[in-house]
């Protein structure tokens, strides 16, 4: 599996639609880490799920109700959260917004 280029322009990334009202694009990655931009329409949900990766997310725009391991908080632009491996987590966009998600190691299933 190859890595992305060291420099990636916004125009070079393909957007996919994993859930209703949610689109994402891989910004860049190496085997050890991946950065992903995720855009949400108001009210869109990133369904509860878990994975073995560590995830750190930054609220680039909007506000989100974030639930991690049964604990829920509202985060606004500039806020962030981290998800240890295998904890159930999900988000709901309280308004139109964007998250910047980083994963370690990279999410190989996102590359298919």
C-alpha atoms as a PDB file:
ATOM      1  CA  UNK A   1       0.000   0.000   0.000  1.00  0.00           C
ATOM      2  CA  UNK A   2       1.440   3.351  -0.969  1.00  0.00           C
ATOM      3  CA  UNK A   3       1.279   6.632   0.899  1.00  0.00           C
ATOM      4  CA  UNK A   4      -0.106   9.925  -0.294  1.00  0.00           C
ATOM      5  CA  UNK A   5       2.169  12.678  -1.551  1.00  0.00           C
ATOM      6  CA  UNK A   6       3.918  14.906   0.985  1.00  0.00           C
ATOM      7  CA  UNK A   7       1.899  17.894  -0.258  1.00  0.00           C
ATOM      8  CA  UNK A   8      -1.776  17.596  -1.144  1.00  0.00           C
ATOM      9  CA  UNK A   9      -3.913  20.389  -2.589  1.00  0.00           C
ATOM     10  CA  UNK A  10      -7.602  20.616  -1.763  1.00  0.00           C
ATOM     11  CA  UNK A  11      -8.449  20.024  -5.420  1.00  0.00           C
ATOM     12  CA  UNK A  12      -6.532  16.727  -5.425  1.00  0.00           C
ATOM     13  CA  UNK A  13      -8.729  14.906  -2.920  1.00  0.00           C
ATOM     14  CA  UNK A  14     -11.819  12.860  -3.766  1.00  0.00           C
ATOM     15  CA  UNK A  15     -14.914  13.374  -1.591  1.00  0.00           C
ATOM     16  CA  UNK A  16     -16.990  10.330  -0.609  1.00  0.00           C
ATOM     17  CA  UNK A  17     -20.405  10.151   1.054  1.00  0.00           C
ATOM     18  CA  UNK A  18     -20.243   7.564   3.889  1.00  0.00           C
ATOM     19  CA  UNK A  19     -23.533   8.572   5.594  1.00  0.00           C
ATOM     20  CA  UNK A  20     -26.488  10.850   4.765  1.00  0.00           C
ATOM     21  CA  UNK A  21     -25.435  14.499   5.067  1.00  0.00           C
ATOM     22  CA  UNK A  22     -21.782  13.544   5.611  1.00  0.00           C
ATOM     23  CA  UNK A  23     -18.918  13.787   3.125  1.00  0.00           C
ATOM     24  CA  UNK A  24     -15.233  13.153   3.732  1.00  0.00           C
ATOM     25  CA  UNK A  25     -11.925  13.343   1.958  1.00  0.00           C
ATOM     26  CA  UNK A  26      -8.542  11.961   2.846  1.00  0.00           C
ATOM     27  CA  UNK A  27      -6.239  14.931   3.223  1.00  0.00           C
ATOM     28  CA  UNK A  28      -2.978  12.980   3.510  1.00  0.00           C
ATOM     29  CA  UNK A  29      -1.582   9.838   5.098  1.00  0.00           C
ATOM     30  CA  UNK A  30       1.355   7.598   5.837  1.00  0.00           C
ATOM     31  CA  UNK A  31       1.045   4.075   7.242  1.00  0.00           C
ATOM     32  CA  UNK A  32       1.406   5.490  10.760  1.00  0.00           C
ATOM     33  CA  UNK A  33      -1.095   8.379  10.506  1.00  0.00           C
ATOM     34  CA  UNK A  34      -3.983   9.736   8.425  1.00  0.00           C
ATOM     35  CA  UNK A  35      -5.718  13.129   8.299  1.00  0.00           C
ATOM     36  CA  UNK A  36      -9.301  13.331   7.040  1.00  0.00           C
ATOM     37  CA  UNK A  37     -11.670  16.282   6.549  1.00  0.00           C
ATOM     38  CA  UNK A  38     -15.302  15.465   7.282  1.00  0.00           C
ATOM     39  CA  UNK A  39     -18.114  17.877   6.331  1.00  0.00           C
ATOM     40  CA  UNK A  40     -21.561  17.645   7.943  1.00  0.00           C
ATOM     41  CA  UNK A  41     -24.878  19.194   7.019  1.00  0.00           C
ATOM     42  CA  UNK A  42     -26.890  20.491   9.972  1.00  0.00           C
ATOM     43  CA  UNK A  43     -28.418  17.537  11.842  1.00  0.00           C
ATOM     44  CA  UNK A  44     -26.240  14.918  10.136  1.00  0.00           C
ATOM     45  CA  UNK A  45     -25.017  12.061  12.296  1.00  0.00           C
ATOM     46  CA  UNK A  46     -21.737  10.213  12.354  1.00  0.00           C
ATOM     47  CA  UNK A  47     -23.195   6.960  13.684  1.00  0.00           C
ATOM     48  CA  UNK A  48     -21.790   5.384  16.839  1.00  0.00           C
ATOM     49  CA  UNK A  49     -18.941   3.018  16.011  1.00  0.00           C
ATOM     50  CA  UNK A  50     -15.553   1.839  17.255  1.00  0.00           C
ATOM     51  CA  UNK A  51     -12.215   0.967  15.684  1.00  0.00           C
ATOM     52  CA  UNK A  52      -8.751  -0.032  16.890  1.00  0.00           C
ATOM     53  CA  UNK A  53      -7.197   3.301  15.841  1.00  0.00           C
ATOM     54  CA  UNK A  54      -6.537   6.287  18.088  1.00  0.00           C
ATOM     55  CA  UNK A  55      -8.580   9.214  16.756  1.00  0.00           C
ATOM     56  CA  UNK A  56      -8.023  12.898  17.511  1.00  0.00           C
ATOM     57  CA  UNK A  57     -10.509  15.378  16.029  1.00  0.00           C
ATOM     58  CA  UNK A  58     -10.584  19.167  15.710  1.00  0.00           C
ATOM     59  CA  UNK A  59     -13.788  21.156  15.170  1.00  0.00           C
ATOM     60  CA  UNK A  60     -12.817  23.372  12.242  1.00  0.00           C
ATOM     61  CA  UNK A  61     -16.302  24.820  11.770  1.00  0.00           C
ATOM     62  CA  UNK A  62     -19.737  24.545  13.403  1.00  0.00           C
ATOM     63  CA  UNK A  63     -20.744  22.761  16.592  1.00  0.00           C
ATOM     64  CA  UNK A  64     -21.145  19.079  17.364  1.00  0.00           C
ATOM     65  CA  UNK A  65     -22.654  16.889  20.030  1.00  0.00           C
ATOM     66  CA  UNK A  66     -19.892  14.348  20.614  1.00  0.00           C
ATOM     67  CA  UNK A  67     -20.410  11.086  22.492  1.00  0.00           C
ATOM     68  CA  UNK A  68     -17.451   8.954  23.586  1.00  0.00           C
ATOM     69  CA  UNK A  69     -17.966   5.833  25.694  1.00  0.00           C
ATOM     70  CA  UNK A  70     -21.376   7.071  26.890  1.00  0.00           C
ATOM     71  CA  UNK A  71     -20.192  10.599  27.792  1.00  0.00           C
ATOM     72  CA  UNK A  72     -21.676  13.440  25.698  1.00  0.00           C
ATOM     73  CA  UNK A  73     -20.438  17.014  25.363  1.00  0.00           C
ATOM     74  CA  UNK A  74     -21.048  19.860  22.914  1.00  0.00           C
ATOM     75  CA  UNK A  75     -17.954  21.170  21.156  1.00  0.00           C
ATOM     76  CA  UNK A  76     -17.788  24.315  19.049  1.00  0.00           C
ATOM     77  CA  UNK A  77     -15.272  25.652  16.537  1.00  0.00           C
ATOM     78  CA  UNK A  78     -11.781  25.348  17.996  1.00  0.00           C
ATOM     79  CA  UNK A  79     -12.689  22.447  20.309  1.00  0.00           C
ATOM     80  CA  UNK A  80     -11.187  18.991  20.029  1.00  0.00           C
ATOM     81  CA  UNK A  81     -11.562  15.448  21.304  1.00  0.00           C
ATOM     82  CA  UNK A  82      -9.566  12.239  21.397  1.00  0.00           C
ATOM     83  CA  UNK A  83     -10.860   8.686  21.205  1.00  0.00           C
ATOM     84  CA  UNK A  84      -8.720   5.849  22.596  1.00  0.00           C
ATOM     85  CA  UNK A  85      -8.778   2.546  20.677  1.00  0.00           C
ATOM     86  CA  UNK A  86     -12.031   0.559  20.610  1.00  0.00           C
ATOM     87  CA  UNK A  87     -14.250   3.062  22.474  1.00  0.00           C
ATOM     88  CA  UNK A  88     -17.713   3.575  20.970  1.00  0.00           C
ATOM     89  CA  UNK A  89     -18.074   7.131  19.701  1.00  0.00           C
ATOM     90  CA  UNK A  90     -20.218   9.234  17.360  1.00  0.00           C
ATOM     91  CA  UNK A  91     -21.206  12.808  16.576  1.00  0.00           C
ATOM     92  CA  UNK A  92     -24.245  14.863  15.629  1.00  0.00           C
ATOM     93  CA  UNK A  93     -23.840  18.175  13.793  1.00  0.00           C
ATOM     94  CA  UNK A  94     -25.841  20.830  15.626  1.00  0.00           C
ATOM     95  CA  UNK A  95     -25.246  23.094  12.614  1.00  0.00           C
ATOM     96  CA  UNK A  96     -23.357  22.790   9.347  1.00  0.00           C
ATOM     97  CA  UNK A  97     -19.740  22.038  10.209  1.00  0.00           C
ATOM     98  CA  UNK A  98     -16.428  20.339   9.550  1.00  0.00           C
ATOM     99  CA  UNK A  99     -14.167  18.081  11.575  1.00  0.00           C
ATOM    100  CA  UNK A 100     -10.500  17.377  10.919  1.00  0.00           C
ATOM    101  CA  UNK A 101      -9.923  13.790  12.045  1.00  0.00           C
ATOM    102  CA  UNK A 102      -6.501  12.219  12.535  1.00  0.00           C
ATOM    103  CA  UNK A 103      -6.025   8.492  12.965  1.00  0.00           C
ATOM    104  CA  UNK A 104      -3.064   6.411  14.020  1.00  0.00           C
ATOM    105  CA  UNK A 105      -2.375   4.139  12.338  1.00  0.00           C
ATOM    106  CA  UNK A 106      -4.102   5.103   9.081  1.00  0.00           C
ATOM    107  CA  UNK A 107      -7.581   3.759   8.257  1.00  0.00           C
ATOM    108  CA  UNK A 108      -6.841   1.295   5.475  1.00  0.00           C
ATOM    109  CA  UNK A 109     -10.575   0.790   4.803  1.00  0.00           C
ATOM    110  CA  UNK A 110     -10.832   4.471   3.810  1.00  0.00           C
ATOM    111  CA  UNK A 111      -8.433   3.795   0.911  1.00  0.00           C
ATOM    112  CA  UNK A 112     -10.653   1.230  -0.831  1.00  0.00           C
END
